[in-house]
C-alpha atoms as a PDB file:
ATOM      1  CA  UNK A   1     -91.586  34.489  52.477  1.00  0.00           C
ATOM      2  CA  UNK A   2     -92.080  35.576  49.301  1.00  0.00           C
ATOM      3  CA  UNK A   3     -88.924  36.464  46.694  1.00  0.00           C
ATOM      4  CA  UNK A   4     -88.467  40.197  46.676  1.00  0.00           C
ATOM      5  CA  UNK A   5     -84.967  40.549  44.712  1.00  0.00           C
ATOM      6  CA  UNK A   6     -81.766  40.083  45.145  1.00  0.00           C
ATOM      7  CA  UNK A   7     -79.758  43.632  46.876  1.00  0.00           C
ATOM      8  CA  UNK A   8     -76.613  44.151  46.314  1.00  0.00           C
ATOM      9  CA  UNK A   9     -74.891  42.438  49.345  1.00  0.00           C
ATOM     10  CA  UNK A  10     -76.491  39.187  47.555  1.00  0.00           C
ATOM     11  CA  UNK A  11     -74.546  40.015  44.508  1.00  0.00           C
ATOM     12  CA  UNK A  12     -70.830  40.466  46.926  1.00  0.00           C
ATOM     13  CA  UNK A  13     -71.619  36.974  47.761  1.00  0.00           C
ATOM     14  CA  UNK A  14     -72.020  35.681  44.835  1.00  0.00           C
ATOM     15  CA  UNK A  15     -69.304  37.887  43.614  1.00  0.00           C
ATOM     16  CA  UNK A  16     -67.039  36.886  46.313  1.00  0.00           C
ATOM     17  CA  UNK A  17     -67.329  33.577  46.125  1.00  0.00           C
ATOM     18  CA  UNK A  18     -66.552  32.962  42.487  1.00  0.00           C
ATOM     19  CA  UNK A  19     -64.132  34.912  42.422  1.00  0.00           C
ATOM     20  CA  UNK A  20     -62.211  32.380  45.216  1.00  0.00           C
ATOM     21  CA  UNK A  21     -63.424  29.542  42.964  1.00  0.00           C
ATOM     22  CA  UNK A  22     -61.740  31.087  39.950  1.00  0.00           C
ATOM     23  CA  UNK A  23     -58.507  32.056  41.999  1.00  0.00           C
ATOM     24  CA  UNK A  24     -58.198  28.296  43.945  1.00  0.00           C
ATOM     25  CA  UNK A  25     -58.720  27.010  40.419  1.00  0.00           C
ATOM     26  CA  UNK A  26     -55.812  29.189  39.305  1.00  0.00           C
ATOM     27  CA  UNK A  27     -53.388  28.081  41.859  1.00  0.00           C
ATOM     28  CA  UNK A  28     -54.781  24.321  42.532  1.00  0.00           C
ATOM     29  CA  UNK A  29     -56.773  22.561  39.407  1.00  0.00           C
ATOM     30  CA  UNK A  30     -55.667  24.688  37.228  1.00  0.00           C
ATOM     31  CA  UNK A  31     -56.847  21.725  34.294  1.00  0.00           C
ATOM     32  CA  UNK A  32     -60.430  21.915  36.238  1.00  0.00           C
ATOM     33  CA  UNK A  33     -62.724  23.540  33.293  1.00  0.00           C
ATOM     34  CA  UNK A  34     -66.097  22.864  35.486  1.00  0.00           C
ATOM     35  CA  UNK A  35     -64.331  25.637  38.350  1.00  0.00           C
ATOM     36  CA  UNK A  36     -63.330  27.835  35.544  1.00  0.00           C
ATOM     37  CA  UNK A  37     -66.462  28.180  33.938  1.00  0.00           C
ATOM     38  CA  UNK A  38     -68.133  29.152  37.399  1.00  0.00           C
ATOM     39  CA  UNK A  39     -65.827  31.432  38.124  1.00  0.00           C
ATOM     40  CA  UNK A  40     -66.429  33.329  35.032  1.00  0.00           C
ATOM     41  CA  UNK A  41     -69.253  34.660  36.326  1.00  0.00           C
ATOM     42  CA  UNK A  42     -67.182  36.567  38.616  1.00  0.00           C
ATOM     43  CA  UNK A  43     -66.019  39.666  37.029  1.00  0.00           C
ATOM     44  CA  UNK A  44     -69.650  41.176  34.996  1.00  0.00           C
ATOM     45  CA  UNK A  45     -71.185  41.023  38.324  1.00  0.00           C
ATOM     46  CA  UNK A  46     -68.307  43.361  39.842  1.00  0.00           C
ATOM     47  CA  UNK A  47     -68.671  45.500  37.002  1.00  0.00           C
ATOM     48  CA  UNK A  48     -72.693  45.517  38.496  1.00  0.00           C
ATOM     49  CA  UNK A  49     -71.524  46.097  41.434  1.00  0.00           C
ATOM     50  CA  UNK A  50     -69.424  48.837  40.083  1.00  0.00           C
ATOM     51  CA  UNK A  51     -71.661  50.573  38.107  1.00  0.00           C
ATOM     52  CA  UNK A  52     -74.735  50.297  41.262  1.00  0.00           C
ATOM     53  CA  UNK A  53     -71.242  52.333  43.398  1.00  0.00           C
ATOM     54  CA  UNK A  54     -70.728  54.338  40.799  1.00  0.00           C
ATOM     55  CA  UNK A  55     -74.523  55.508  40.499  1.00  0.00           C
ATOM     56  CA  UNK A  56     -75.361  56.105  44.328  1.00  0.00           C
ATOM     57  CA  UNK A  57     -72.127  57.013  45.524  1.00  0.00           C
ATOM     58  CA  UNK A  58     -71.361  60.822  47.679  1.00  0.00           C
ATOM     59  CA  UNK A  59     -67.822  60.698  46.871  1.00  0.00           C
ATOM     60  CA  UNK A  60     -66.737  58.944  43.386  1.00  0.00           C
ATOM     61  CA  UNK A  61     -62.874  60.560  44.496  1.00  0.00           C
ATOM     62  CA  UNK A  62     -62.880  58.578  47.207  1.00  0.00           C
ATOM     63  CA  UNK A  63     -64.389  55.441  45.561  1.00  0.00           C
ATOM     64  CA  UNK A  64     -61.708  55.642  43.156  1.00  0.00           C
ATOM     65  CA  UNK A  65     -58.787  56.329  45.647  1.00  0.00           C
ATOM     66  CA  UNK A  66     -60.095  53.257  47.691  1.00  0.00           C
ATOM     67  CA  UNK A  67     -59.848  51.104  44.191  1.00  0.00           C
ATOM     68  CA  UNK A  68     -56.740  52.349  43.730  1.00  0.00           C
ATOM     69  CA  UNK A  69     -55.162  51.673  46.559  1.00  0.00           C
ATOM     70  CA  UNK A  70     -56.718  48.314  46.575  1.00  0.00           C
ATOM     71  CA  UNK A  71     -55.007  47.586  43.493  1.00  0.00           C
ATOM     72  CA  UNK A  72     -51.782  48.477  45.079  1.00  0.00           C
ATOM     73  CA  UNK A  73     -51.533  46.910  48.091  1.00  0.00           C
ATOM     74  CA  UNK A  74     -53.306  43.344  46.178  1.00  0.00           C
ATOM     75  CA  UNK A  75     -50.531  44.104  43.124  1.00  0.00           C
ATOM     76  CA  UNK A  76     -47.793  41.931  44.458  1.00  0.00           C
ATOM     77  CA  UNK A  77     -49.983  39.472  46.045  1.00  0.00           C
ATOM     78  CA  UNK A  78     -51.755  39.193  42.904  1.00  0.00           C
ATOM     79  CA  UNK A  79     -48.687  38.708  40.725  1.00  0.00           C
ATOM     80  CA  UNK A  80     -47.131  35.657  43.412  1.00  0.00           C
ATOM     81  CA  UNK A  81     -50.176  33.981  43.835  1.00  0.00           C
ATOM     82  CA  UNK A  82     -51.512  33.880  40.284  1.00  0.00           C
ATOM     83  CA  UNK A  83     -48.419  34.118  38.392  1.00  0.00           C
ATOM     84  CA  UNK A  84     -49.671  37.203  36.718  1.00  0.00           C
ATOM     85  CA  UNK A  85     -47.373  39.792  35.761  1.00  0.00           C
ATOM     86  CA  UNK A  86     -50.460  41.699  34.089  1.00  0.00           C
ATOM     87  CA  UNK A  87     -52.451  44.923  36.366  1.00  0.00           C
ATOM     88  CA  UNK A  88     -55.062  43.156  38.375  1.00  0.00           C
ATOM     89  CA  UNK A  89     -58.502  43.792  38.299  1.00  0.00           C
ATOM     90  CA  UNK A  90     -58.913  46.522  40.937  1.00  0.00           C
ATOM     91  CA  UNK A  91     -57.358  48.600  38.152  1.00  0.00           C
ATOM     92  CA  UNK A  92     -59.655  47.533  35.594  1.00  0.00           C
ATOM     93  CA  UNK A  93     -62.095  48.247  38.052  1.00  0.00           C
ATOM     94  CA  UNK A  94     -60.525  51.930  38.270  1.00  0.00           C
ATOM     95  CA  UNK A  95     -60.828  52.844  34.219  1.00  0.00           C
ATOM     96  CA  UNK A  96     -64.512  51.751  34.206  1.00  0.00           C
ATOM     97  CA  UNK A  97     -64.865  53.591  37.379  1.00  0.00           C
ATOM     98  CA  UNK A  98     -63.748  56.903  35.519  1.00  0.00           C
ATOM     99  CA  UNK A  99     -65.432  55.860  32.262  1.00  0.00           C
ATOM    100  CA  UNK A 100     -68.556  56.005  33.771  1.00  0.00           C
ATOM    101  CA  UNK A 101     -68.240  59.464  35.843  1.00  0.00           C
ATOM    102  CA  UNK A 102     -66.736  61.108  32.142  1.00  0.00           C
ATOM    103  CA  UNK A 103     -70.026  59.590  30.524  1.00  0.00           C
ATOM    104  CA  UNK A 104     -72.335  60.987  33.040  1.00  0.00           C
ATOM    105  CA  UNK A 105     -70.890  64.417  32.665  1.00  0.00           C
ATOM    106  CA  UNK A 106     -70.097  64.626  29.026  1.00  0.00           C
ATOM    107  CA  UNK A 107     -72.971  62.147  27.969  1.00  0.00           C
ATOM    108  CA  UNK A 108     -72.706  63.685  24.567  1.00  0.00           C
ATOM    109  CA  UNK A 109     -69.267  62.179  23.883  1.00  0.00           C
ATOM    110  CA  UNK A 110     -69.817  58.958  26.063  1.00  0.00           C
ATOM    111  CA  UNK A 111     -68.848  56.807  22.551  1.00  0.00           C
ATOM    112  CA  UNK A 112     -65.721  58.658  22.409  1.00  0.00           C
ATOM    113  CA  UNK A 113     -65.163  57.977  25.850  1.00  0.00           C
ATOM    114  CA  UNK A 114     -66.090  54.315  25.652  1.00  0.00           C
ATOM    115  CA  UNK A 115     -63.152  53.993  22.923  1.00  0.00           C
ATOM    116  CA  UNK A 116     -61.064  55.612  24.379  1.00  0.00           C
ATOM    117  CA  UNK A 117     -61.617  53.315  28.001  1.00  0.00           C
ATOM    118  CA  UNK A 118     -60.976  50.894  25.829  1.00  0.00           C
ATOM    119  CA  UNK A 119     -57.936  51.339  24.138  1.00  0.00           C
ATOM    120  CA  UNK A 120     -56.453  52.705  27.722  1.00  0.00           C
ATOM    121  CA  UNK A 121     -57.577  49.270  29.013  1.00  0.00           C
ATOM    122  CA  UNK A 122     -55.664  47.355  25.493  1.00  0.00           C
ATOM    123  CA  UNK A 123     -52.568  49.808  25.970  1.00  0.00           C
ATOM    124  CA  UNK A 124     -51.762  49.245  29.974  1.00  0.00           C
ATOM    125  CA  UNK A 125     -52.333  45.475  29.281  1.00  0.00           C
ATOM    126  CA  UNK A 126     -55.851  45.344  32.264  1.00  0.00           C
ATOM    127  CA  UNK A 127     -57.168  42.070  33.599  1.00  0.00           C
ATOM    128  CA  UNK A 128     -60.178  42.026  31.382  1.00  0.00           C
ATOM    129  CA  UNK A 129     -59.009  44.510  28.411  1.00  0.00           C
ATOM    130  CA  UNK A 130     -60.939  46.023  25.911  1.00  0.00           C
ATOM    131  CA  UNK A 131     -63.688  43.302  27.079  1.00  0.00           C
ATOM    132  CA  UNK A 132     -63.585  44.510  30.298  1.00  0.00           C
ATOM    133  CA  UNK A 133     -64.921  48.238  29.340  1.00  0.00           C
ATOM    134  CA  UNK A 134     -67.544  47.091  27.025  1.00  0.00           C
ATOM    135  CA  UNK A 135     -68.638  44.620  29.851  1.00  0.00           C
ATOM    136  CA  UNK A 136     -68.904  47.544  32.251  1.00  0.00           C
ATOM    137  CA  UNK A 137     -70.791  50.162  28.888  1.00  0.00           C
ATOM    138  CA  UNK A 138     -73.326  47.754  28.462  1.00  0.00           C
ATOM    139  CA  UNK A 139     -74.039  47.161  32.014  1.00  0.00           C
ATOM    140  CA  UNK A 140     -74.322  51.073  32.403  1.00  0.00           C
ATOM    141  CA  UNK A 141     -77.161  50.757  30.538  1.00  0.00           C
ATOM    142  CA  UNK A 142     -78.401  47.684  30.935  1.00  0.00           C
ATOM    143  CA  UNK A 143     -82.398  46.812  29.280  1.00  0.00           C
ATOM    144  CA  UNK A 144     -83.598  43.741  29.841  1.00  0.00           C
ATOM    145  CA  UNK A 145     -84.438  43.497  26.378  1.00  0.00           C
ATOM    146  CA  UNK A 146     -83.633  41.774  23.005  1.00  0.00           C
ATOM    147  CA  UNK A 147     -81.655  44.351  21.629  1.00  0.00           C
ATOM    148  CA  UNK A 148     -79.349  44.414  24.400  1.00  0.00           C
ATOM    149  CA  UNK A 149     -79.381  41.021  25.103  1.00  0.00           C
ATOM    150  CA  UNK A 150     -78.096  40.601  21.312  1.00  0.00           C
ATOM    151  CA  UNK A 151     -75.631  42.921  21.833  1.00  0.00           C
ATOM    152  CA  UNK A 152     -74.406  41.394  25.212  1.00  0.00           C
ATOM    153  CA  UNK A 153     -73.933  38.003  23.075  1.00  0.00           C
ATOM    154  CA  UNK A 154     -72.498  39.337  20.034  1.00  0.00           C
ATOM    155  CA  UNK A 155     -70.144  40.745  22.536  1.00  0.00           C
ATOM    156  CA  UNK A 156     -69.088  37.803  24.060  1.00  0.00           C
ATOM    157  CA  UNK A 157     -69.078  35.433  20.838  1.00  0.00           C
ATOM    158  CA  UNK A 158     -66.549  38.235  19.884  1.00  0.00           C
ATOM    159  CA  UNK A 159     -64.861  37.286  22.793  1.00  0.00           C
ATOM    160  CA  UNK A 160     -64.857  33.480  22.505  1.00  0.00           C
ATOM    161  CA  UNK A 161     -63.232  33.315  18.984  1.00  0.00           C
ATOM    162  CA  UNK A 162     -60.176  35.553  20.322  1.00  0.00           C
ATOM    163  CA  UNK A 163     -60.393  34.167  24.271  1.00  0.00           C
ATOM    164  CA  UNK A 164     -61.813  30.615  23.744  1.00  0.00           C
ATOM    165  CA  UNK A 165     -65.681  29.119  25.082  1.00  0.00           C
ATOM    166  CA  UNK A 166     -65.088  29.709  28.191  1.00  0.00           C
ATOM    167  CA  UNK A 167     -66.495  33.025  29.223  1.00  0.00           C
ATOM    168  CA  UNK A 168     -69.884  32.089  26.688  1.00  0.00           C
ATOM    169  CA  UNK A 169     -71.571  31.095  30.399  1.00  0.00           C
ATOM    170  CA  UNK A 170     -71.493  35.021  31.201  1.00  0.00           C
ATOM    171  CA  UNK A 171     -74.333  35.226  28.301  1.00  0.00           C
ATOM    172  CA  UNK A 172     -76.987  34.001  30.861  1.00  0.00           C
ATOM    173  CA  UNK A 173     -75.351  36.871  34.065  1.00  0.00           C
ATOM    174  CA  UNK A 174     -77.523  39.128  33.116  1.00  0.00           C
ATOM    175  CA  UNK A 175     -80.341  37.529  34.822  1.00  0.00           C
ATOM    176  CA  UNK A 176     -79.464  38.234  37.813  1.00  0.00           C
ATOM    177  CA  UNK A 177     -78.774  41.902  37.039  1.00  0.00           C
ATOM    178  CA  UNK A 178     -82.826  41.659  36.058  1.00  0.00           C
ATOM    179  CA  UNK A 179     -83.657  39.951  39.494  1.00  0.00           C
ATOM    180  CA  UNK A 180     -81.174  42.763  41.186  1.00  0.00           C
ATOM    181  CA  UNK A 181     -83.914  44.852  43.238  1.00  0.00           C
ATOM    182  CA  UNK A 182     -81.257  48.222  43.728  1.00  0.00           C
ATOM    183  CA  UNK A 183     -81.307  48.056  47.540  1.00  0.00           C
ATOM    184  CA  UNK A 184     -78.060  48.075  49.619  1.00  0.00           C
ATOM    185  CA  UNK A 185     -78.675  45.349  51.458  1.00  0.00           C
ATOM    186  CA  UNK A 186     -76.750  44.190  54.653  1.00  0.00           C
ATOM    187  CA  UNK A 187     -73.582  46.116  54.803  1.00  0.00           C
ATOM    188  CA  UNK A 188     -70.397  44.480  53.858  1.00  0.00           C
ATOM    189  CA  UNK A 189     -67.240  46.926  54.977  1.00  0.00           C
ATOM    190  CA  UNK A 190     -65.471  42.952  54.751  1.00  0.00           C
ATOM    191  CA  UNK A 191     -65.744  43.914  50.811  1.00  0.00           C
ATOM    192  CA  UNK A 192     -62.958  46.375  50.791  1.00  0.00           C
ATOM    193  CA  UNK A 193     -60.253  44.190  52.685  1.00  0.00           C
ATOM    194  CA  UNK A 194     -61.657  41.097  50.330  1.00  0.00           C
ATOM    195  CA  UNK A 195     -59.373  41.084  46.800  1.00  0.00           C
ATOM    196  CA  UNK A 196     -55.968  41.502  49.001  1.00  0.00           C
ATOM    197  CA  UNK A 197     -57.841  39.495  51.891  1.00  0.00           C
ATOM    198  CA  UNK A 198     -57.768  36.469  49.859  1.00  0.00           C
ATOM    199  CA  UNK A 199     -55.074  36.806  47.796  1.00  0.00           C
ATOM    200  CA  UNK A 200     -53.327  36.784  51.000  1.00  0.00           C
ATOM    201  CA  UNK A 201     -54.959  33.501  52.142  1.00  0.00           C
ATOM    202  CA  UNK A 202     -54.014  31.835  49.053  1.00  0.00           C
ATOM    203  CA  UNK A 203     -50.651  32.710  49.446  1.00  0.00           C
ATOM    204  CA  UNK A 204     -50.752  30.920  53.222  1.00  0.00           C
ATOM    205  CA  UNK A 205     -52.380  28.022  51.573  1.00  0.00           C
ATOM    206  CA  UNK A 206     -49.789  27.629  48.550  1.00  0.00           C
ATOM    207  CA  UNK A 207     -46.696  27.586  51.295  1.00  0.00           C
ATOM    208  CA  UNK A 208     -48.890  24.659  52.820  1.00  0.00           C
ATOM    209  CA  UNK A 209     -50.449  22.654  50.294  1.00  0.00           C
ATOM    210  CA  UNK A 210     -47.983  22.986  47.666  1.00  0.00           C
END
């Protein structure tokens, strides 16, 4: 069989798997740098799926409310399991969704909207801050050309100055964007409950093995 590209379902599987690896590292192997590097792949994949979701959703309000509800449900587990005080990734994605829809509606003001989104991310201390908004913007305008790649690499080099080198492997993740075929693939209703569900399982594992 010939390769026909990666569906969104394939990317959901990869995003979920790498996030689990990252969080297992945080909980059980905090000093394992290799697991941390693998785990860094998850966030840009979730951003890609967010951009695809915003583009194709029939009801962006319902999409946003689902992210908000799951974010609220997940926050206590997120704080307990990962020992984190900031808002979890679903709130980061929700802010990215707002920026995506506003720039679609008011394209003339796209740059101020992205800048405002980055400021809000910094003020609310979302999990990836302004970097997360920058990735959302760049993914929204993904073009597999030299200028786009230079910008993507530049964002990660700047981020590495502040946060360390572990995010640098993400420079190569857009290869997966390029391989994506834009098709939904298999249904993934499990994906809605994946985030709080995997945190709950990690909490159970903590009680048993720590």
